[in-house]
């Protein structure tokens, strides 16, 4: 009988230790099958292209009194300052630079030969009717910079303006960082 009691005690103690071990082991995690929504890959170059087309056309539709403010909204600060200098080279106004001063000031940051010196932003014409983007083709992309071959067309005035537009993505928005345009030869 003593043996039965001792065996029972060992059995009871053994069962309690198994329960302790089972209680201290973490329960296996139940994994749920979660289906994540996958957004289609956003092609930033395509987004930049659409932005260029829309922004340029809206710029030329805006009120003449708001052109400067609207140019500031769609360009980087540095490009805005650069183009402002380019438009007023050799003009008899306060702050205008000579061609040499302009080249010296901006030569390390921009191609001053393609600044469109003495002409307006994006087009060489002073007047326009309805400027439309008839071509906007990606030439190259590098990180957050995109270079587009752009043709602007004003059918009413029979004017075509080919330019290269470099766009940068800054703070989740696109901005024009440079426009490469030729200075027309006037006879």
N, C-alpha and C. Protein backbone atom coordinates (compact mmCIF):
# COMPACT_ATOMS: atom_id res chain seq x y z
N UNK A 1 0.81 -1.17 0.00
CA UNK A 1 0.00 0.00 0.00
C UNK A 1 0.87 1.25 0.00
N UNK A 2 1.94 1.22 0.77
CA UNK A 2 2.84 2.36 0.80
C UNK A 2 3.37 2.64 -0.61
N UNK A 3 3.65 1.55 -1.28
CA UNK A 3 4.18 1.72 -2.64
C UNK A 3 3.14 2.36 -3.55
N UNK A 4 1.91 2.03 -3.41
CA UNK A 4 0.85 2.60 -4.24
C UNK A 4 0.68 4.08 -3.95
N UNK A 5 0.76 4.43 -2.68
CA UNK A 5 0.63 5.84 -2.31
C UNK A 5 1.83 6.64 -2.85
N UNK A 6 3.02 6.10 -2.68
CA UNK A 6 4.23 6.78 -3.17
C UNK A 6 4.17 6.90 -4.69
N UNK A 7 3.75 5.84 -5.37
CA UNK A 7 3.63 5.88 -6.84
C UNK A 7 2.60 6.91 -7.25
N UNK A 8 1.48 6.97 -6.51
CA UNK A 8 0.43 7.96 -6.82
C UNK A 8 0.95 9.37 -6.64
N UNK A 9 1.74 9.59 -5.56
CA UNK A 9 2.30 10.93 -5.33
C UNK A 9 3.23 11.33 -6.48
N UNK A 10 4.09 10.39 -6.88
CA UNK A 10 4.99 10.68 -8.02
C UNK A 10 4.18 10.99 -9.29
N UNK A 11 3.12 10.28 -9.49
CA UNK A 11 2.29 10.48 -10.66
C UNK A 11 1.61 11.85 -10.60
N UNK A 12 1.10 12.21 -9.44
CA UNK A 12 0.44 13.51 -9.26
C UNK A 12 1.44 14.64 -9.46
N UNK A 13 2.63 14.51 -8.83
CA UNK A 13 3.67 15.54 -8.97
C UNK A 13 4.10 15.65 -10.42
N UNK A 14 4.26 14.54 -11.09
CA UNK A 14 4.66 14.53 -12.50
C UNK A 14 3.63 15.20 -13.38
N UNK A 15 2.36 14.98 -13.10
CA UNK A 15 1.30 15.61 -13.90
C UNK A 15 1.26 17.11 -13.67
N UNK A 16 1.48 17.56 -12.45
CA UNK A 16 1.48 18.99 -12.16
C UNK A 16 2.62 19.69 -12.88
N UNK A 17 3.79 19.07 -12.95
CA UNK A 17 4.93 19.68 -13.64
C UNK A 17 4.68 19.77 -15.14
N UNK A 18 4.00 18.77 -15.70
CA UNK A 18 3.67 18.83 -17.12
C UNK A 18 2.74 20.00 -17.39
N UNK A 19 1.78 20.21 -16.48
CA UNK A 19 0.85 21.32 -16.65
C UNK A 19 1.58 22.65 -16.54
N UNK A 20 2.56 22.76 -15.63
CA UNK A 20 3.33 23.99 -15.48
C UNK A 20 4.10 24.27 -16.77
N UNK A 21 4.74 23.25 -17.32
CA UNK A 21 5.50 23.43 -18.55
C UNK A 21 4.59 23.86 -19.68
N UNK A 22 3.43 23.23 -19.75
CA UNK A 22 2.49 23.59 -20.81
C UNK A 22 2.00 25.01 -20.63
N UNK A 23 1.82 25.44 -19.38
CA UNK A 23 1.33 26.79 -19.12
C UNK A 23 2.39 27.84 -19.42
N UNK A 24 3.67 27.52 -19.22
CA UNK A 24 4.71 28.52 -19.44
C UNK A 24 5.11 28.64 -20.90
N UNK A 25 4.82 27.64 -21.71
CA UNK A 25 5.17 27.74 -23.13
C UNK A 25 4.13 28.60 -23.83
N UNK A 26 4.59 29.53 -24.67
CA UNK A 26 3.62 30.39 -25.36
C UNK A 26 2.79 29.58 -26.35
N UNK A 27 1.58 30.00 -26.46
CA UNK A 27 0.68 29.33 -27.40
C UNK A 27 1.14 29.65 -28.81
N UNK A 28 1.07 28.69 -29.69
CA UNK A 28 1.47 28.98 -31.06
C UNK A 28 0.55 30.06 -31.64
N UNK A 29 1.18 30.99 -32.38
CA UNK A 29 0.40 32.08 -32.96
C UNK A 29 -0.43 31.56 -34.11
N UNK A 30 -1.62 32.06 -34.16
CA UNK A 30 -2.49 31.70 -35.26
C UNK A 30 -2.30 32.79 -36.31
N UNK A 31 -1.80 32.38 -37.45
CA UNK A 31 -1.55 33.35 -38.51
C UNK A 31 -2.78 33.46 -39.39
N UNK A 32 -3.15 34.70 -39.60
CA UNK A 32 -4.30 34.95 -40.47
C UNK A 32 -3.78 35.22 -41.87
N UNK A 33 -4.50 34.79 -42.80
CA UNK A 33 -4.15 35.11 -44.18
C UNK A 33 -4.72 36.50 -44.48
N UNK A 34 -3.83 37.47 -44.54
CA UNK A 34 -4.23 38.84 -44.82
C UNK A 34 -3.85 39.14 -46.25
N UNK A 35 -4.82 39.53 -47.01
CA UNK A 35 -4.55 39.89 -48.40
C UNK A 35 -4.35 41.40 -48.43
N UNK A 36 -3.14 41.80 -48.78
CA UNK A 36 -2.86 43.23 -48.84
C UNK A 36 -3.24 43.75 -50.21
N UNK A 37 -3.85 44.92 -50.18
CA UNK A 37 -4.17 45.54 -51.46
C UNK A 37 -2.88 46.05 -52.06
N UNK A 38 -2.66 45.73 -53.27
CA UNK A 38 -1.47 46.22 -53.94
C UNK A 38 -1.89 47.29 -54.93
N UNK A 39 -1.28 48.42 -54.78
CA UNK A 39 -1.54 49.52 -55.72
C UNK A 39 -0.71 49.27 -56.96
N UNK A 40 -1.25 49.61 -58.09
CA UNK A 40 -0.45 49.43 -59.29
C UNK A 40 0.79 50.30 -59.20
N UNK A 41 1.89 49.81 -59.73
CA UNK A 41 3.13 50.57 -59.70
C UNK A 41 2.91 51.92 -60.37
N UNK A 42 3.24 52.96 -59.65
CA UNK A 42 3.09 54.30 -60.18
C UNK A 42 4.33 54.63 -61.00
N UNK A 43 4.09 54.97 -62.21
CA UNK A 43 5.19 55.34 -63.08
C UNK A 43 5.37 56.86 -62.95
N UNK A 44 6.37 57.26 -62.19
CA UNK A 44 6.57 58.68 -61.92
C UNK A 44 6.89 59.47 -63.18
N UNK A 45 7.58 58.86 -64.13
CA UNK A 45 7.88 59.56 -65.38
C UNK A 45 6.59 59.90 -66.10
N UNK A 46 5.64 58.98 -66.09
CA UNK A 46 4.34 59.24 -66.73
C UNK A 46 3.58 60.33 -65.97
N UNK A 47 3.65 60.28 -64.66
CA UNK A 47 3.02 61.33 -63.84
C UNK A 47 3.65 62.69 -64.15
N UNK A 48 4.98 62.72 -64.25
CA UNK A 48 5.69 63.98 -64.55
C UNK A 48 5.27 64.50 -65.92
N UNK A 49 5.14 63.61 -66.88
CA UNK A 49 4.72 64.01 -68.24
C UNK A 49 3.34 64.66 -68.20
N UNK A 50 2.40 64.02 -67.52
CA UNK A 50 1.04 64.57 -67.42
C UNK A 50 1.07 65.93 -66.72
N UNK A 51 1.90 66.02 -65.69
CA UNK A 51 2.01 67.28 -64.95
C UNK A 51 2.54 68.38 -65.87
N UNK A 52 3.58 68.08 -66.66
CA UNK A 52 4.15 69.07 -67.58
C UNK A 52 3.09 69.56 -68.55
N UNK A 53 2.40 68.65 -69.18
CA UNK A 53 1.38 69.02 -70.17
C UNK A 53 0.30 69.91 -69.54
N UNK A 54 -0.22 69.48 -68.42
CA UNK A 54 -1.29 70.23 -67.75
C UNK A 54 -0.80 71.60 -67.25
N UNK A 55 0.36 71.62 -66.60
CA UNK A 55 0.86 72.86 -66.01
C UNK A 55 1.18 73.91 -67.06
N UNK A 56 1.79 73.50 -68.16
CA UNK A 56 2.14 74.46 -69.22
C UNK A 56 0.87 75.03 -69.84
N UNK A 57 -0.07 74.18 -70.17
CA UNK A 57 -1.30 74.69 -70.80
C UNK A 57 -2.09 75.59 -69.85
N UNK A 58 -2.14 75.24 -68.57
CA UNK A 58 -2.83 76.09 -67.59
C UNK A 58 -2.10 77.42 -67.41
N UNK A 59 -0.77 77.39 -67.47
CA UNK A 59 0.01 78.62 -67.35
C UNK A 59 -0.40 79.61 -68.45
N UNK A 60 -0.50 79.14 -69.68
CA UNK A 60 -0.83 80.04 -70.79
C UNK A 60 -2.30 80.43 -70.84
N UNK A 61 -3.14 79.74 -70.09
CA UNK A 61 -4.56 80.11 -69.99
C UNK A 61 -4.80 81.15 -68.90
N UNK A 62 -3.82 81.32 -68.02
CA UNK A 62 -4.03 82.19 -66.87
C UNK A 62 -4.04 83.67 -67.28
N UNK A 63 -4.57 84.46 -66.38
CA UNK A 63 -4.64 85.91 -66.55
C UNK A 63 -3.24 86.49 -66.74
N UNK A 64 -3.10 87.47 -67.61
CA UNK A 64 -1.79 88.10 -67.82
C UNK A 64 -1.22 88.68 -66.53
N UNK A 65 -2.08 89.19 -65.67
CA UNK A 65 -1.63 89.77 -64.41
C UNK A 65 -1.10 88.73 -63.42
N UNK A 66 -1.43 87.47 -63.65
CA UNK A 66 -1.00 86.41 -62.73
C UNK A 66 0.13 85.56 -63.29
N UNK A 67 0.66 85.88 -64.46
CA UNK A 67 1.68 85.04 -65.09
C UNK A 67 2.91 84.86 -64.21
N UNK A 68 3.40 85.94 -63.63
CA UNK A 68 4.59 85.85 -62.80
C UNK A 68 4.35 84.94 -61.59
N UNK A 69 3.23 85.14 -60.93
CA UNK A 69 2.88 84.32 -59.76
C UNK A 69 2.71 82.86 -60.18
N UNK A 70 2.08 82.62 -61.31
CA UNK A 70 1.87 81.24 -61.78
C UNK A 70 3.18 80.60 -62.22
N UNK A 71 4.09 81.39 -62.76
CA UNK A 71 5.41 80.85 -63.10
C UNK A 71 6.13 80.40 -61.83
N UNK A 72 6.05 81.19 -60.78
CA UNK A 72 6.67 80.82 -59.52
C UNK A 72 6.11 79.52 -58.96
N UNK A 73 4.81 79.28 -59.17
CA UNK A 73 4.17 78.08 -58.64
C UNK A 73 4.66 76.81 -59.32
N UNK A 74 5.05 76.90 -60.60
CA UNK A 74 5.40 75.69 -61.34
C UNK A 74 6.90 75.52 -61.58
N UNK A 75 7.71 76.43 -61.03
CA UNK A 75 9.16 76.34 -61.22
C UNK A 75 9.87 76.29 -59.87
N UNK A 76 11.10 75.79 -59.90
CA UNK A 76 11.93 75.85 -58.70
C UNK A 76 12.32 77.30 -58.48
N UNK A 77 12.65 77.66 -57.28
CA UNK A 77 13.05 79.04 -56.98
C UNK A 77 14.29 79.42 -57.79
N UNK A 78 15.25 78.50 -57.86
CA UNK A 78 16.49 78.79 -58.58
C UNK A 78 16.24 79.02 -60.07
N UNK A 79 15.40 78.19 -60.67
CA UNK A 79 15.11 78.38 -62.09
C UNK A 79 14.34 79.69 -62.30
N UNK A 80 13.41 79.99 -61.42
CA UNK A 80 12.65 81.24 -61.53
C UNK A 80 13.59 82.45 -61.53
N UNK A 81 14.55 82.46 -60.62
CA UNK A 81 15.52 83.56 -60.55
C UNK A 81 16.38 83.61 -61.82
N UNK A 82 16.82 82.45 -62.27
CA UNK A 82 17.65 82.34 -63.47
C UNK A 82 16.91 82.87 -64.70
N UNK A 83 15.68 82.42 -64.89
CA UNK A 83 14.91 82.84 -66.07
C UNK A 83 14.58 84.32 -65.98
N UNK A 84 14.33 84.82 -64.78
CA UNK A 84 14.10 86.26 -64.61
C UNK A 84 15.30 87.06 -65.07
N UNK A 85 16.50 86.60 -64.70
CA UNK A 85 17.72 87.26 -65.18
C UNK A 85 17.85 87.15 -66.69
N UNK A 86 17.54 85.97 -67.25
CA UNK A 86 17.69 85.74 -68.69
C UNK A 86 16.75 86.64 -69.50
N UNK A 87 15.56 86.85 -69.00
CA UNK A 87 14.59 87.66 -69.74
C UNK A 87 14.99 89.14 -69.77
N UNK A 88 15.76 89.57 -68.80
CA UNK A 88 16.09 91.00 -68.74
C UNK A 88 17.54 91.33 -69.08
N UNK A 89 18.28 90.37 -69.66
CA UNK A 89 19.68 90.63 -70.04
C UNK A 89 19.75 91.81 -71.00
N UNK A 90 20.68 92.73 -70.69
CA UNK A 90 20.94 93.91 -71.51
C UNK A 90 19.74 94.84 -71.68
N UNK A 91 18.77 94.76 -70.80
CA UNK A 91 17.64 95.69 -70.84
C UNK A 91 17.97 96.86 -69.92
N UNK A 92 17.38 97.95 -70.21
CA UNK A 92 17.64 99.13 -69.41
C UNK A 92 16.65 99.19 -68.24
N UNK A 93 16.79 98.21 -67.32
CA UNK A 93 15.95 98.16 -66.13
C UNK A 93 16.83 97.86 -64.93
N UNK A 94 16.34 98.23 -63.75
CA UNK A 94 17.09 97.95 -62.53
C UNK A 94 17.31 96.45 -62.38
N UNK A 95 18.53 96.10 -62.03
CA UNK A 95 18.85 94.70 -61.77
C UNK A 95 19.19 93.88 -63.00
N UNK A 96 19.08 94.46 -64.19
CA UNK A 96 19.40 93.65 -65.38
C UNK A 96 20.91 93.47 -65.48
N UNK A 97 21.28 92.35 -66.04
CA UNK A 97 22.68 91.98 -66.18
C UNK A 97 23.11 92.10 -67.64
N UNK A 98 24.40 92.29 -67.83
CA UNK A 98 24.93 92.18 -69.18
C UNK A 98 25.01 90.69 -69.52
N UNK A 99 25.22 90.38 -70.78
CA UNK A 99 25.34 88.98 -71.17
C UNK A 99 26.48 88.31 -70.43
N UNK A 100 27.60 89.00 -70.29
CA UNK A 100 28.76 88.43 -69.58
C UNK A 100 28.44 88.21 -68.10
N UNK A 101 27.81 89.20 -67.47
CA UNK A 101 27.45 89.05 -66.05
C UNK A 101 26.47 87.88 -65.86
N UNK A 102 25.53 87.76 -66.78
CA UNK A 102 24.58 86.65 -66.72
C UNK A 102 25.30 85.31 -66.83
N UNK A 103 26.18 85.20 -67.82
CA UNK A 103 26.93 83.95 -68.01
C UNK A 103 27.78 83.62 -66.78
N UNK A 104 28.46 84.63 -66.25
CA UNK A 104 29.31 84.40 -65.07
C UNK A 104 28.49 83.97 -63.85
N UNK A 105 27.33 84.57 -63.68
CA UNK A 105 26.49 84.27 -62.52
C UNK A 105 25.91 82.85 -62.57
N UNK A 106 25.52 82.38 -63.74
CA UNK A 106 24.76 81.14 -63.83
C UNK A 106 25.48 79.98 -64.53
N UNK A 107 26.71 80.21 -65.03
CA UNK A 107 27.35 79.18 -65.86
C UNK A 107 27.57 77.84 -65.16
N UNK A 108 27.75 77.81 -63.88
CA UNK A 108 27.99 76.55 -63.18
C UNK A 108 26.72 75.76 -62.91
N UNK A 109 25.56 76.40 -63.02
CA UNK A 109 24.32 75.74 -62.66
C UNK A 109 23.41 75.45 -63.85
N UNK A 110 23.51 76.26 -64.89
CA UNK A 110 22.64 76.13 -66.04
C UNK A 110 23.44 76.29 -67.33
N UNK A 111 22.88 75.79 -68.44
CA UNK A 111 23.46 76.01 -69.76
C UNK A 111 22.99 77.37 -70.24
N UNK A 112 23.78 78.39 -70.01
CA UNK A 112 23.37 79.77 -70.31
C UNK A 112 23.17 80.01 -71.81
N UNK A 113 23.72 79.13 -72.65
CA UNK A 113 23.52 79.27 -74.10
C UNK A 113 22.11 78.85 -74.49
N UNK A 114 21.42 78.13 -73.60
CA UNK A 114 20.06 77.65 -73.87
C UNK A 114 19.04 78.29 -72.92
N UNK A 115 19.37 79.47 -72.42
CA UNK A 115 18.51 80.14 -71.43
C UNK A 115 17.31 80.83 -72.04
N UNK A 116 17.34 81.07 -73.34
CA UNK A 116 16.27 81.86 -73.94
C UNK A 116 16.42 83.31 -73.52
N UNK A 117 17.63 83.82 -73.65
CA UNK A 117 17.92 85.20 -73.25
C UNK A 117 17.06 86.17 -74.06
N UNK A 118 16.42 87.07 -73.34
CA UNK A 118 15.62 88.11 -73.99
C UNK A 118 14.25 87.66 -74.45
N UNK A 119 13.90 86.41 -74.19
CA UNK A 119 12.56 85.93 -74.57
C UNK A 119 11.84 85.41 -73.33
N UNK A 120 10.55 85.18 -73.50
CA UNK A 120 9.72 84.78 -72.38
C UNK A 120 9.92 83.36 -71.90
N UNK A 121 9.18 83.05 -70.87
CA UNK A 121 9.19 81.72 -70.26
C UNK A 121 8.50 80.74 -71.20
N UNK A 122 9.21 79.71 -71.61
CA UNK A 122 8.75 78.61 -72.45
C UNK A 122 8.60 78.94 -73.93
N UNK A 123 8.21 80.16 -74.27
CA UNK A 123 8.06 80.50 -75.69
C UNK A 123 8.81 81.78 -76.00
N UNK A 124 9.21 81.92 -77.26
CA UNK A 124 9.94 83.12 -77.67
C UNK A 124 8.99 84.26 -78.02
N UNK A 125 7.75 83.95 -78.29
CA UNK A 125 6.78 84.98 -78.67
C UNK A 125 6.34 85.80 -77.48
N UNK A 126 6.01 87.06 -77.77
CA UNK A 126 5.50 87.93 -76.72
C UNK A 126 3.98 87.81 -76.59
N UNK A 127 3.34 87.43 -77.68
CA UNK A 127 1.89 87.27 -77.69
C UNK A 127 1.56 85.82 -78.00
N UNK A 128 0.39 85.41 -77.56
CA UNK A 128 -0.08 84.07 -77.88
C UNK A 128 -1.59 84.06 -77.81
N UNK A 129 -2.14 83.06 -78.49
CA UNK A 129 -3.59 82.88 -78.48
C UNK A 129 -3.92 81.70 -77.58
N UNK A 130 -3.64 80.49 -78.08
CA UNK A 130 -3.90 79.28 -77.29
C UNK A 130 -2.69 78.36 -77.49
N UNK A 131 -1.85 78.31 -76.47
CA UNK A 131 -0.66 77.47 -76.53
C UNK A 131 -1.03 76.08 -76.03
N UNK A 132 -0.68 75.08 -76.85
CA UNK A 132 -0.95 73.70 -76.49
C UNK A 132 0.34 72.89 -76.58
N UNK A 133 0.43 71.88 -75.74
CA UNK A 133 1.55 70.95 -75.79
C UNK A 133 1.18 69.89 -76.83
N UNK A 134 1.93 69.86 -77.95
CA UNK A 134 1.64 68.87 -78.99
C UNK A 134 2.60 67.69 -78.95
N UNK A 135 3.67 67.84 -78.17
CA UNK A 135 4.61 66.74 -77.97
C UNK A 135 5.21 66.88 -76.59
N UNK A 136 5.31 65.77 -75.90
CA UNK A 136 5.97 65.73 -74.60
C UNK A 136 6.53 64.32 -74.45
N UNK A 137 7.77 64.18 -74.83
CA UNK A 137 8.40 62.85 -74.86
C UNK A 137 9.56 62.81 -73.88
N UNK A 138 9.58 61.78 -73.05
CA UNK A 138 10.65 61.59 -72.07
C UNK A 138 11.95 61.30 -72.80
N UNK A 139 12.98 62.08 -72.50
CA UNK A 139 14.31 61.86 -73.07
C UNK A 139 15.16 61.06 -72.10
N UNK A 140 15.13 61.48 -70.83
CA UNK A 140 15.93 60.79 -69.82
C UNK A 140 15.33 61.02 -68.44
N UNK A 141 15.71 60.12 -67.53
CA UNK A 141 15.30 60.28 -66.14
C UNK A 141 16.45 59.86 -65.25
N UNK A 142 16.57 60.56 -64.12
CA UNK A 142 17.65 60.31 -63.17
C UNK A 142 17.13 60.66 -61.79
N UNK A 143 16.95 59.66 -60.95
CA UNK A 143 16.38 59.83 -59.61
C UNK A 143 15.06 60.59 -59.70
N UNK A 144 15.01 61.80 -59.21
CA UNK A 144 13.78 62.59 -59.23
C UNK A 144 13.80 63.68 -60.30
N UNK A 145 14.58 63.48 -61.36
CA UNK A 145 14.68 64.45 -62.45
C UNK A 145 14.28 63.79 -63.76
N UNK A 146 13.50 64.51 -64.54
CA UNK A 146 13.01 64.01 -65.81
C UNK A 146 13.22 65.09 -66.87
N UNK A 147 13.76 64.70 -68.02
CA UNK A 147 13.98 65.63 -69.12
C UNK A 147 13.04 65.26 -70.25
N UNK A 148 12.24 66.23 -70.70
CA UNK A 148 11.25 66.00 -71.75
C UNK A 148 11.56 66.86 -72.97
N UNK A 149 11.33 66.28 -74.13
CA UNK A 149 11.36 67.00 -75.39
C UNK A 149 9.92 67.48 -75.60
N UNK A 150 9.73 68.79 -75.58
CA UNK A 150 8.38 69.36 -75.60
C UNK A 150 8.24 70.28 -76.81
N UNK A 151 7.10 70.17 -77.47
CA UNK A 151 6.78 71.11 -78.54
C UNK A 151 5.49 71.81 -78.16
N UNK A 152 5.58 73.15 -78.12
CA UNK A 152 4.41 73.98 -77.83
C UNK A 152 3.95 74.57 -79.16
N UNK A 153 2.65 74.59 -79.36
CA UNK A 153 2.10 75.02 -80.62
C UNK A 153 0.99 76.04 -80.38
N UNK A 154 1.04 77.13 -81.10
CA UNK A 154 -0.02 78.13 -81.08
C UNK A 154 -0.55 78.21 -82.51
N UNK A 155 -1.60 77.44 -82.80
CA UNK A 155 -2.11 77.32 -84.17
C UNK A 155 -2.60 78.65 -84.73
N UNK A 156 -3.27 79.45 -83.90
CA UNK A 156 -3.82 80.72 -84.38
C UNK A 156 -2.72 81.65 -84.88
N UNK A 157 -1.59 81.64 -84.20
CA UNK A 157 -0.47 82.51 -84.61
C UNK A 157 0.55 81.77 -85.46
N UNK A 158 0.25 80.52 -85.77
CA UNK A 158 1.13 79.67 -86.58
C UNK A 158 2.55 79.66 -86.03
N UNK A 159 2.65 79.44 -84.71
CA UNK A 159 3.95 79.44 -84.04
C UNK A 159 4.19 78.09 -83.38
N UNK A 160 5.41 77.62 -83.53
CA UNK A 160 5.82 76.35 -82.92
C UNK A 160 7.07 76.63 -82.10
N UNK A 161 7.07 76.15 -80.86
CA UNK A 161 8.17 76.40 -79.94
C UNK A 161 8.71 75.09 -79.40
N UNK A 162 9.81 74.59 -79.96
CA UNK A 162 10.42 73.38 -79.40
C UNK A 162 11.33 73.73 -78.22
N UNK A 163 11.17 73.04 -77.12
CA UNK A 163 12.00 73.27 -75.92
C UNK A 163 12.27 71.93 -75.25
N UNK A 164 13.24 71.93 -74.39
CA UNK A 164 13.51 70.79 -73.51
C UNK A 164 13.17 71.27 -72.11
N UNK A 165 12.39 70.48 -71.40
CA UNK A 165 11.94 70.87 -70.05
C UNK A 165 12.44 69.82 -69.06
N UNK A 166 13.22 70.29 -68.08
CA UNK A 166 13.68 69.41 -67.01
C UNK A 166 12.79 69.64 -65.80
N UNK A 167 12.24 68.54 -65.30
CA UNK A 167 11.31 68.58 -64.17
C UNK A 167 11.94 67.84 -63.01
N UNK A 168 11.82 68.41 -61.82
CA UNK A 168 12.31 67.76 -60.60
C UNK A 168 11.12 67.51 -59.68
N UNK A 169 11.20 66.42 -58.95
CA UNK A 169 10.18 66.15 -57.95
C UNK A 169 10.73 66.59 -56.60
N UNK A 170 10.02 67.54 -56.00
CA UNK A 170 10.42 68.08 -54.69
C UNK A 170 9.19 68.10 -53.79
N UNK A 171 9.33 67.57 -52.60
CA UNK A 171 8.24 67.57 -51.61
C UNK A 171 6.94 67.04 -52.22
N UNK A 172 7.03 65.91 -52.90
CA UNK A 172 5.87 65.23 -53.50
C UNK A 172 5.15 66.03 -54.57
N UNK A 173 5.83 66.97 -55.19
CA UNK A 173 5.25 67.69 -56.31
C UNK A 173 6.32 67.90 -57.37
N UNK A 174 5.89 68.10 -58.58
CA UNK A 174 6.82 68.34 -59.67
C UNK A 174 6.99 69.84 -59.88
N UNK A 175 8.20 70.24 -60.27
CA UNK A 175 8.48 71.63 -60.58
C UNK A 175 9.43 71.69 -61.77
N UNK A 176 9.26 72.71 -62.59
CA UNK A 176 10.17 72.90 -63.71
C UNK A 176 11.48 73.43 -63.15
N UNK A 177 12.57 72.71 -63.43
CA UNK A 177 13.88 73.07 -62.90
C UNK A 177 14.77 73.70 -63.98
N UNK A 178 14.38 73.58 -65.25
CA UNK A 178 15.14 74.20 -66.33
C UNK A 178 14.34 74.06 -67.62
N UNK A 179 14.49 75.04 -68.48
CA UNK A 179 13.93 74.99 -69.83
C UNK A 179 15.06 75.34 -70.76
N UNK A 180 15.38 74.43 -71.66
CA UNK A 180 16.43 74.68 -72.64
C UNK A 180 15.75 75.18 -73.91
N UNK A 181 15.97 76.45 -74.20
CA UNK A 181 15.35 77.04 -75.38
C UNK A 181 16.37 77.91 -76.09
N UNK A 182 16.28 77.92 -77.39
CA UNK A 182 17.18 78.73 -78.19
C UNK A 182 16.72 80.16 -78.20
N UNK A 183 17.67 81.05 -78.28
CA UNK A 183 17.35 82.47 -78.44
C UNK A 183 17.21 82.71 -79.93
N UNK A 184 16.03 83.17 -80.35
CA UNK A 184 15.84 83.36 -81.80
C UNK A 184 16.73 84.46 -82.34
N UNK A 185 17.13 84.30 -83.59
CA UNK A 185 17.92 85.33 -84.28
C UNK A 185 16.96 86.31 -84.93
N UNK A 186 17.06 87.56 -84.58
CA UNK A 186 16.21 88.58 -85.19
C UNK A 186 17.02 89.34 -86.21
N UNK A 187 16.48 89.47 -87.42
CA UNK A 187 17.18 90.19 -88.50
C UNK A 187 16.78 91.63 -88.54
